[in-house]
Amino acid sequence: MLRLHRFAAIACLQGALLLGNGSAWGQTPDAAVGLPEAITPSMEGIVDLAETNMLSGVGYLAPRRQAGLRASWLADVELPLYTEPGGEHWGWIWQGWLIPNGQQAFAIGRDAQFTMVSVEPLLMAFPILQAREDGWLQIQYTEGGSAWIHQEQLDDRGLELSFSSWEDRLAEADIVNLRNINDSQVLRSQPERGRNVLSLVSPSSLIEPLEIKDDWMRVRVTRPANGCEPLAGASEQEGWLQWKDTDGELLMLPSRDECSG
């Protein structure tokens, strides 16, 4: 059913643009009478949630196989957007553009500021605010804008995409960082709050994940360190850190340093 809906939506998108709903921003005259030409988004207009206190959701949407640097993979994406799970189709993220049905196309990062999150040193992804068991995902694309997509449609056309939970991504990371670069976190001997404090871990520490248990991550902490490199006289300590708070918000992110592997 979703696949048939997708083909109908493509026809609707083509028809809306061919009938002429005004020139899309940034398009050439030839492209204005059909689908816009694929573009690479401008990084100047993309906010990295890893550098803010904004909600990061339960996971992220990214290429199944890394394709290009940072957000350039959006030039190959054809993703239908819906108003709600099982609701009406209202637009597309289409080859570097945001295209609401029957409206102007907005060049991502140029005409419209988008929100994404770094999940690897050279890869930006879309945060997923909710992931339902029936396959519906709520994708955030601007600070106040979100829509719904379905996992069944992530590899129909264009670049193959996949959803990853933050728990899975952090568990497979070689190095993780505290998300708040201005604050330290308590290292504990057990995965619980109590009189079990071992030390304070600063954002400049080298943190290697060893195990995840519920909201806690067992880690190996090396201090002092410069990025990924231990400094002379560095020592190691193992213990537990919280990787998300009681509201489910991330306290850690995969390292964006090039040496993180």
C-alpha atoms as a PDB file:
ATOM      1  CA  MET A   1       0.000   0.000   0.000  1.00  0.00           C
ATOM      2  CA  LEU A   2       2.777   2.447   0.915  1.00  0.00           C
ATOM      3  CA  ARG A   3       4.664   1.660  -2.289  1.00  0.00           C
ATOM      4  CA  LEU A   4       1.583   2.398  -4.421  1.00  0.00           C
ATOM      5  CA  HIS A   5       1.048   5.575  -2.424  1.00  0.00           C
ATOM      6  CA  ARG A   6       4.629   6.553  -3.181  1.00  0.00           C
ATOM      7  CA  PHE A   7       4.219   6.216  -6.955  1.00  0.00           C
ATOM      8  CA  ALA A   8       1.030   8.287  -6.816  1.00  0.00           C
ATOM      9  CA  ALA A   9       2.895  10.906  -4.779  1.00  0.00           C
ATOM     10  CA  ILE A  10       5.663  11.086  -7.402  1.00  0.00           C
ATOM     11  CA  ALA A  11       3.066  11.716 -10.098  1.00  0.00           C
ATOM     12  CA  CYS A  12       1.486  14.393  -7.887  1.00  0.00           C
ATOM     13  CA  LEU A  13       4.864  16.054  -7.322  1.00  0.00           C
ATOM     14  CA  GLN A  14       5.686  16.082 -11.045  1.00  0.00           C
ATOM     15  CA  GLY A  15       2.231  17.368 -11.927  1.00  0.00           C
ATOM     16  CA  ALA A  16       2.306  20.149  -9.362  1.00  0.00           C
ATOM     17  CA  LEU A  17       5.611  21.449 -10.650  1.00  0.00           C
ATOM     18  CA  LEU A  18       4.695  21.072 -14.330  1.00  0.00           C
ATOM     19  CA  LEU A  19       1.474  23.025 -13.825  1.00  0.00           C
ATOM     20  CA  GLY A  20       3.567  25.893 -12.529  1.00  0.00           C
ATOM     21  CA  ASN A  21       3.193  26.952  -8.917  1.00  0.00           C
ATOM     22  CA  GLY A  22       5.801  29.672  -9.217  1.00  0.00           C
ATOM     23  CA  SER A  23       9.529  29.305  -9.763  1.00  0.00           C
ATOM     24  CA  ALA A  24      11.274  27.378  -7.015  1.00  0.00           C
ATOM     25  CA  TRP A  25      13.967  29.388  -5.263  1.00  0.00           C
ATOM     26  CA  GLY A  26      17.381  28.799  -6.735  1.00  0.00           C
ATOM     27  CA  GLN A  27      16.129  26.927  -9.811  1.00  0.00           C
ATOM     28  CA  THR A  28      17.124  27.608 -13.398  1.00  0.00           C
ATOM     29  CA  PRO A  29      14.288  28.505 -15.822  1.00  0.00           C
ATOM     30  CA  ASP A  30      14.439  25.035 -17.399  1.00  0.00           C
ATOM     31  CA  ALA A  31      14.211  23.245 -14.072  1.00  0.00           C
ATOM     32  CA  ALA A  32      11.230  25.373 -12.986  1.00  0.00           C
ATOM     33  CA  VAL A  33       8.901  23.485 -15.354  1.00  0.00           C
ATOM     34  CA  GLY A  34       9.786  20.067 -13.954  1.00  0.00           C
ATOM     35  CA  LEU A  35      11.507  18.490 -11.015  1.00  0.00           C
ATOM     36  CA  PRO A  36      14.396  20.602  -9.704  1.00  0.00           C
ATOM     37  CA  GLU A  37      17.924  19.559 -10.546  1.00  0.00           C
ATOM     38  CA  ALA A  38      19.793  17.722  -7.792  1.00  0.00           C
ATOM     39  CA  ILE A  39      21.937  19.986  -5.611  1.00  0.00           C
ATOM     40  CA  THR A  40      24.398  19.551  -2.766  1.00  0.00           C
ATOM     41  CA  PRO A  41      23.123  21.323   0.372  1.00  0.00           C
ATOM     42  CA  SER A  42      25.119  24.230   1.773  1.00  0.00           C
ATOM     43  CA  MET A  43      26.622  23.447   5.152  1.00  0.00           C
ATOM     44  CA  GLU A  44      26.269  27.114   6.133  1.00  0.00           C
ATOM     45  CA  GLY A  45      22.524  26.597   6.449  1.00  0.00           C
ATOM     46  CA  ILE A  46      22.607  23.336   8.421  1.00  0.00           C
ATOM     47  CA  VAL A  47      22.557  23.383  12.227  1.00  0.00           C
ATOM     48  CA  ASP A  48      24.438  20.506  13.882  1.00  0.00           C
ATOM     49  CA  LEU A  49      22.440  19.337  16.909  1.00  0.00           C
ATOM     50  CA  ALA A  50      25.650  17.907  18.379  1.00  0.00           C
ATOM     51  CA  GLU A  51      26.680  21.511  19.012  1.00  0.00           C
ATOM     52  CA  THR A  52      23.388  22.585  20.634  1.00  0.00           C
ATOM     53  CA  ASN A  53      21.099  21.628  23.530  1.00  0.00           C
ATOM     54  CA  MET A  54      18.219  20.815  21.175  1.00  0.00           C
ATOM     55  CA  LEU A  55      16.482  17.449  21.405  1.00  0.00           C
ATOM     56  CA  SER A  56      18.323  14.695  19.552  1.00  0.00           C
ATOM     57  CA  GLY A  57      15.536  12.096  19.561  1.00  0.00           C
ATOM     58  CA  VAL A  58      15.814   8.316  19.769  1.00  0.00           C
ATOM     59  CA  GLY A  59      18.112   7.775  16.801  1.00  0.00           C
ATOM     60  CA  TYR A  60      18.963   9.022  13.335  1.00  0.00           C
ATOM     61  CA  LEU A  61      18.455   8.459   9.611  1.00  0.00           C
ATOM     62  CA  ALA A  62      21.543   8.140   7.406  1.00  0.00           C
ATOM     63  CA  PRO A  63      22.773   6.315   4.269  1.00  0.00           C
ATOM     64  CA  ARG A  64      23.088   2.562   4.656  1.00  0.00           C
ATOM     65  CA  ARG A  65      26.524   2.965   3.091  1.00  0.00           C
ATOM     66  CA  GLN A  66      28.296   6.288   3.530  1.00  0.00           C
ATOM     67  CA  ALA A  67      27.996   8.313   0.349  1.00  0.00           C
ATOM     68  CA  GLY A  68      29.903  11.566   0.174  1.00  0.00           C
ATOM     69  CA  LEU A  69      30.899  13.955   2.895  1.00  0.00           C
ATOM     70  CA  ARG A  70      28.839  15.646   5.590  1.00  0.00           C
ATOM     71  CA  ALA A  71      25.361  16.312   4.098  1.00  0.00           C
ATOM     72  CA  SER A  72      26.181  15.871   0.405  1.00  0.00           C
ATOM     73  CA  TRP A  73      24.299  12.538   0.384  1.00  0.00           C
ATOM     74  CA  LEU A  74      21.032  14.496   0.388  1.00  0.00           C
ATOM     75  CA  ALA A  75      21.574  15.147  -3.329  1.00  0.00           C
ATOM     76  CA  ASP A  76      20.697  11.468  -3.939  1.00  0.00           C
ATOM     77  CA  VAL A  77      17.660  11.153  -1.632  1.00  0.00           C
ATOM     78  CA  GLU A  78      14.012  10.823  -2.703  1.00  0.00           C
ATOM     79  CA  LEU A  79      12.049  10.588   0.538  1.00  0.00           C
ATOM     80  CA  PRO A  80       8.238  11.052   0.839  1.00  0.00           C
ATOM     81  CA  LEU A  81       6.949  12.902   3.906  1.00  0.00           C
ATOM     82  CA  TYR A  82       3.604  12.409   5.666  1.00  0.00           C
ATOM     83  CA  THR A  83       1.576  14.521   8.095  1.00  0.00           C
ATOM     84  CA  GLU A  84       1.206  11.667  10.622  1.00  0.00           C
ATOM     85  CA  PRO A  85       1.544   7.885  10.775  1.00  0.00           C
ATOM     86  CA  GLY A  86      -0.730   6.590   7.999  1.00  0.00           C
ATOM     87  CA  GLY A  87      -1.741  10.184   7.222  1.00  0.00           C
ATOM     88  CA  GLU A  88      -1.731  12.279   4.080  1.00  0.00           C
ATOM     89  CA  HIS A  89       1.366  12.651   1.935  1.00  0.00           C
ATOM     90  CA  TRP A  90       2.394  16.323   2.003  1.00  0.00           C
ATOM     91  CA  GLY A  91       5.814  16.644   0.421  1.00  0.00           C
ATOM     92  CA  TRP A  92       9.328  15.403  -0.254  1.00  0.00           C
ATOM     93  CA  ILE A  93      12.937  15.653   0.628  1.00  0.00           C
ATOM     94  CA  TRP A  94      14.033  15.373  -2.988  1.00  0.00           C
ATOM     95  CA  GLN A  95      17.643  15.477  -4.224  1.00  0.00           C
ATOM     96  CA  GLY A  96      18.738  18.350  -1.995  1.00  0.00           C
ATOM     97  CA  TRP A  97      15.348  20.091  -1.875  1.00  0.00           C
ATOM     98  CA  LEU A  98      12.395  20.295   0.515  1.00  0.00           C
ATOM     99  CA  ILE A  99       9.269  20.270  -1.679  1.00  0.00           C
ATOM    100  CA  PRO A 100       5.847  20.659  -0.009  1.00  0.00           C
ATOM    101  CA  ASN A 101       3.085  19.513  -2.378  1.00  0.00           C
ATOM    102  CA  GLY A 102       1.999  22.283  -4.719  1.00  0.00           C
ATOM    103  CA  GLN A 103       4.431  24.818  -3.262  1.00  0.00           C
ATOM    104  CA  GLN A 104       7.835  26.256  -3.972  1.00  0.00           C
ATOM    105  CA  ALA A 105      10.859  24.012  -3.619  1.00  0.00           C
ATOM    106  CA  PHE A 106      13.305  25.082  -0.918  1.00  0.00           C
ATOM    107  CA  ALA A 107      17.021  24.396  -1.406  1.00  0.00           C
ATOM    108  CA  ILE A 108      18.249  22.665   1.758  1.00  0.00           C
ATOM    109  CA  GLY A 109      20.811  24.792   3.581  1.00  0.00           C
ATOM    110  CA  ARG A 110      20.317  27.674   1.146  1.00  0.00           C
ATOM    111  CA  ASP A 111      16.652  28.727   1.162  1.00  0.00           C
ATOM    112  CA  ALA A 112      15.770  26.768   4.288  1.00  0.00           C
ATOM    113  CA  GLN A 113      17.856  26.138   7.410  1.00  0.00           C
ATOM    114  CA  PHE A 114      17.873  22.444   8.281  1.00  0.00           C
ATOM    115  CA  THR A 115      18.792  20.617  11.498  1.00  0.00           C
ATOM    116  CA  MET A 116      20.960  17.500  11.353  1.00  0.00           C
ATOM    117  CA  VAL A 117      23.383  15.782  13.708  1.00  0.00           C
ATOM    118  CA  SER A 118      26.954  14.510  13.246  1.00  0.00           C
ATOM    119  CA  VAL A 119      27.173  10.775  13.825  1.00  0.00           C
ATOM    120  CA  GLU A 120      30.655  10.271  12.362  1.00  0.00           C
ATOM    121  CA  PRO A 121      33.536  12.661  11.657  1.00  0.00           C
ATOM    122  CA  LEU A 122      32.303  13.261   8.094  1.00  0.00           C
ATOM    123  CA  LEU A 123      28.644  12.233   8.174  1.00  0.00           C
ATOM    124  CA  MET A 124      25.537  14.250   9.058  1.00  0.00           C
ATOM    125  CA  ALA A 125      22.197  12.521   9.684  1.00  0.00           C
ATOM    126  CA  PHE A 126      18.577  13.463  10.359  1.00  0.00           C
ATOM    127  CA  PRO A 127      17.457  13.058  13.999  1.00  0.00           C
ATOM    128  CA  ILE A 128      14.497  10.734  14.517  1.00  0.00           C
ATOM    129  CA  LEU A 129      12.202  11.953  17.295  1.00  0.00           C
ATOM    130  CA  GLN A 130      10.008   8.846  17.516  1.00  0.00           C
ATOM    131  CA  ALA A 131      10.303   5.300  16.187  1.00  0.00           C
ATOM    132  CA  ARG A 132       7.092   3.259  16.229  1.00  0.00           C
ATOM    133  CA  GLU A 133       6.870  -0.520  16.118  1.00  0.00           C
ATOM    134  CA  ASP A 134       4.770  -0.339  12.936  1.00  0.00           C
ATOM    135  CA  GLY A 135       7.686   1.205  11.030  1.00  0.00           C
ATOM    136  CA  TRP A 136       6.721   4.881  11.182  1.00  0.00           C
ATOM    137  CA  LEU A 137       9.510   7.320  12.066  1.00  0.00           C
ATOM    138  CA  GLN A 138       9.142  10.982  12.983  1.00  0.00           C
ATOM    139  CA  ILE A 139      11.959  12.862  11.250  1.00  0.00           C
ATOM    140  CA  GLN A 140      13.075  16.328  12.329  1.00  0.00           C
ATOM    141  CA  TYR A 141      14.332  18.531   9.502  1.00  0.00           C
ATOM    142  CA  THR A 142      14.166  22.058  10.964  1.00  0.00           C
ATOM    143  CA  GLU A 143      14.185  23.356  14.546  1.00  0.00           C
ATOM    144  CA  GLY A 144      10.381  23.444  14.629  1.00  0.00           C
ATOM    145  CA  GLY A 145       9.524  21.198  11.694  1.00  0.00           C
ATOM    146  CA  SER A 146       9.020  17.457  11.598  1.00  0.00           C
ATOM    147  CA  ALA A 147       7.190  14.918   9.451  1.00  0.00           C
ATOM    148  CA  TRP A 148       6.630  11.171   9.298  1.00  0.00           C
ATOM    149  CA  ILE A 149       8.318   8.636   7.053  1.00  0.00           C
ATOM    150  CA  HIS A 150       8.042   4.859   6.847  1.00  0.00           C
ATOM    151  CA  GLN A 151      10.910   2.374   6.963  1.00  0.00           C
ATOM    152  CA  GLU A 152       9.320   0.430   4.101  1.00  0.00           C
ATOM    153  CA  GLN A 153      10.138   3.340   1.782  1.00  0.00           C
ATOM    154  CA  LEU A 154      13.737   4.011   2.775  1.00  0.00           C
ATOM    155  CA  ASP A 155      15.219   2.000  -0.105  1.00  0.00           C
ATOM    156  CA  ASP A 156      12.538   2.313  -2.813  1.00  0.00           C
ATOM    157  CA  ARG A 157      14.338   4.946  -4.909  1.00  0.00           C
ATOM    158  CA  GLY A 158      17.491   7.011  -4.716  1.00  0.00           C
ATOM    159  CA  LEU A 159      20.000   6.408  -1.949  1.00  0.00           C
ATOM    160  CA  GLU A 160      19.294   3.541   0.481  1.00  0.00           C
ATOM    161  CA  LEU A 161      18.729   4.877   3.983  1.00  0.00           C
ATOM    162  CA  SER A 162      18.442   3.183   7.353  1.00  0.00           C
ATOM    163  CA  PHE A 163      17.354   4.057  10.880  1.00  0.00           C
ATOM    164  CA  SER A 164      19.790   3.498  13.754  1.00  0.00           C
ATOM    165  CA  SER A 165      19.049   3.931  17.443  1.00  0.00           C
ATOM    166  CA  TRP A 166      21.445   5.976  19.536  1.00  0.00           C
ATOM    167  CA  GLU A 167      21.940   2.995  21.832  1.00  0.00           C
ATOM    168  CA  ASP A 168      23.178   0.828  18.937  1.00  0.00           C
ATOM    169  CA  ARG A 169      25.389   3.587  17.526  1.00  0.00           C
ATOM    170  CA  LEU A 170      27.021   4.351  20.869  1.00  0.00           C
ATOM    171  CA  ALA A 171      27.566   0.661  21.594  1.00  0.00           C
ATOM    172  CA  GLU A 172      29.532   0.199  18.356  1.00  0.00           C
ATOM    173  CA  ALA A 173      31.528   3.439  18.626  1.00  0.00           C
ATOM    174  CA  ASP A 174      35.243   3.277  19.363  1.00  0.00           C
ATOM    175  CA  ILE A 175      35.204   6.567  21.254  1.00  0.00           C
ATOM    176  CA  VAL A 176      32.362   8.666  22.680  1.00  0.00           C
ATOM    177  CA  ASN A 177      32.241  12.243  23.905  1.00  0.00           C
ATOM    178  CA  LEU A 178      30.191  13.999  26.547  1.00  0.00           C
ATOM    179  CA  ARG A 179      27.608  16.024  24.662  1.00  0.00           C
ATOM    180  CA  ASN A 180      27.852  19.038  26.992  1.00  0.00           C
ATOM    181  CA  ILE A 181      31.374  20.322  26.382  1.00  0.00           C
ATOM    182  CA  ASN A 182      31.091  22.694  29.339  1.00  0.00           C
ATOM    183  CA  ASP A 183      30.243  20.177  32.024  1.00  0.00           C
ATOM    184  CA  SER A 184      31.683  17.040  33.621  1.00  0.00           C
ATOM    185  CA  GLN A 185      29.889  13.808  34.472  1.00  0.00           C
ATOM    186  CA  VAL A 186      30.159  11.509  37.488  1.00  0.00           C
ATOM    187  CA  LEU A 187      31.875   8.163  36.955  1.00  0.00           C
ATOM    188  CA  ARG A 188      30.293   5.512  39.197  1.00  0.00           C
ATOM    189  CA  SER A 189      31.248   2.002  40.289  1.00  0.00           C
ATOM    190  CA  GLN A 190      27.740   0.669  39.526  1.00  0.00           C
ATOM    191  CA  PRO A 191      25.062   1.599  36.932  1.00  0.00           C
ATOM    192  CA  GLU A 192      22.963   3.511  39.427  1.00  0.00           C
ATOM    193  CA  ARG A 193      22.944   6.696  41.440  1.00  0.00           C
ATOM    194  CA  GLY A 194      24.116   6.450  45.017  1.00  0.00           C
ATOM    195  CA  ARG A 195      27.217   6.597  47.177  1.00  0.00           C
ATOM    196  CA  ASN A 196      29.323   4.996  44.456  1.00  0.00           C
ATOM    197  CA  VAL A 197      31.221   7.946  42.982  1.00  0.00           C
ATOM    198  CA  LEU A 198      34.640   7.133  41.549  1.00  0.00           C
ATOM    199  CA  SER A 199      35.608  10.457  39.985  1.00  0.00           C
ATOM    200  CA  LEU A 200      34.514  13.252  37.669  1.00  0.00           C
ATOM    201  CA  VAL A 201      34.975  12.831  33.924  1.00  0.00           C
ATOM    202  CA  SER A 202      35.677  16.026  31.990  1.00  0.00           C
ATOM    203  CA  PRO A 203      34.721  16.556  28.316  1.00  0.00           C
ATOM    204  CA  SER A 204      38.431  16.457  27.379  1.00  0.00           C
ATOM    205  CA  SER A 205      38.799  12.841  28.587  1.00  0.00           C
ATOM    206  CA  LEU A 206      39.256   9.912  26.217  1.00  0.00           C
ATOM    207  CA  ILE A 207      36.157   7.716  26.724  1.00  0.00           C
ATOM    208  CA  GLU A 208      35.850   4.213  25.277  1.00  0.00           C
ATOM    209  CA  PRO A 209      32.488   2.411  25.564  1.00  0.00           C
ATOM    210  CA  LEU A 210      32.626  -1.155  26.872  1.00  0.00           C
ATOM    211  CA  GLU A 211      29.019  -2.090  27.609  1.00  0.00           C
ATOM    212  CA  ILE A 212      25.539  -0.559  27.704  1.00  0.00           C
ATOM    213  CA  LYS A 213      22.971  -1.420  30.351  1.00  0.00           C
ATOM    214  CA  ASP A 214      19.690   0.501  30.231  1.00  0.00           C
ATOM    215  CA  ASP A 215      20.558   4.230  30.570  1.00  0.00           C
ATOM    216  CA  TRP A 216      24.138   3.497  31.628  1.00  0.00           C
ATOM    217  CA  MET A 217      27.373   2.831  29.764  1.00  0.00           C
ATOM    218  CA  ARG A 218      30.412   1.078  31.208  1.00  0.00           C
ATOM    219  CA  VAL A 219      33.454   2.931  29.950  1.00  0.00           C
ATOM    220  CA  ARG A 220      37.213   3.086  30.094  1.00  0.00           C
ATOM    221  CA  VAL A 221      38.374   6.635  30.762  1.00  0.00           C
ATOM    222  CA  THR A 222      41.913   7.781  29.944  1.00  0.00           C
ATOM    223  CA  ARG A 223      43.205  11.053  31.455  1.00  0.00           C
ATOM    224  CA  PRO A 224      44.823  13.338  30.554  1.00  0.00           C
ATOM    225  CA  ALA A 225      44.301  13.157  26.796  1.00  0.00           C
ATOM    226  CA  ASN A 226      44.522  15.408  23.775  1.00  0.00           C
ATOM    227  CA  GLY A 227      41.631  14.421  21.540  1.00  0.00           C
ATOM    228  CA  CYS A 228      42.114  10.709  20.864  1.00  0.00           C
ATOM    229  CA  GLU A 229      45.695  10.588  22.151  1.00  0.00           C
ATOM    230  CA  PRO A 230      46.623   9.902  25.799  1.00  0.00           C
ATOM    231  CA  LEU A 231      49.209  12.328  27.137  1.00  0.00           C
ATOM    232  CA  ALA A 232      52.377  11.374  28.979  1.00  0.00           C
ATOM    233  CA  GLY A 233      51.599   9.869  32.366  1.00  0.00           C
ATOM    234  CA  ALA A 234      47.963   9.179  31.500  1.00  0.00           C
ATOM    235  CA  SER A 235      46.024   6.706  33.648  1.00  0.00           C
ATOM    236  CA  GLU A 236      42.971   4.549  32.948  1.00  0.00           C
ATOM    237  CA  GLN A 237      39.872   4.028  35.051  1.00  0.00           C
ATOM    238  CA  GLU A 238      36.735   1.974  34.362  1.00  0.00           C
ATOM    239  CA  GLY A 239      33.257   2.709  35.614  1.00  0.00           C
ATOM    240  CA  TRP A 240      29.718   3.685  34.600  1.00  0.00           C
ATOM    241  CA  LEU A 241      28.427   6.897  33.022  1.00  0.00           C
ATOM    242  CA  GLN A 242      24.878   7.836  32.081  1.00  0.00           C
ATOM    243  CA  TRP A 243      24.499   8.005  28.283  1.00  0.00           C
ATOM    244  CA  LYS A 244      20.969   9.456  28.490  1.00  0.00           C
ATOM    245  CA  ASP A 245      19.055  11.242  31.209  1.00  0.00           C
ATOM    246  CA  THR A 246      15.736  10.343  32.852  1.00  0.00           C
ATOM    247  CA  ASP A 247      13.864  12.144  30.040  1.00  0.00           C
ATOM    248  CA  GLY A 248      15.645  10.039  27.441  1.00  0.00           C
ATOM    249  CA  GLU A 249      17.828  12.869  26.159  1.00  0.00           C
ATOM    250  CA  LEU A 250      21.373  12.100  25.042  1.00  0.00           C
ATOM    251  CA  LEU A 251      24.270  12.895  27.352  1.00  0.00           C
ATOM    252  CA  MET A 252      26.859  11.369  24.981  1.00  0.00           C
ATOM    253  CA  LEU A 253      27.510  11.280  21.257  1.00  0.00           C
ATOM    254  CA  PRO A 254      29.873   9.286  19.051  1.00  0.00           C
ATOM    255  CA  SER A 255      33.210  11.056  18.744  1.00  0.00           C
ATOM    256  CA  ARG A 256      33.574  13.331  15.733  1.00  0.00           C
ATOM    257  CA  ASP A 257      37.361  13.221  15.883  1.00  0.00           C
ATOM    258  CA  GLU A 258      39.016  11.749  12.784  1.00  0.00           C
ATOM    259  CA  CYS A 259      40.905   9.187  14.879  1.00  0.00           C
ATOM    260  CA  SER A 260      37.749   7.612  16.302  1.00  0.00           C
ATOM    261  CA  GLY A 261      37.613   4.900  13.623  1.00  0.00           C
END
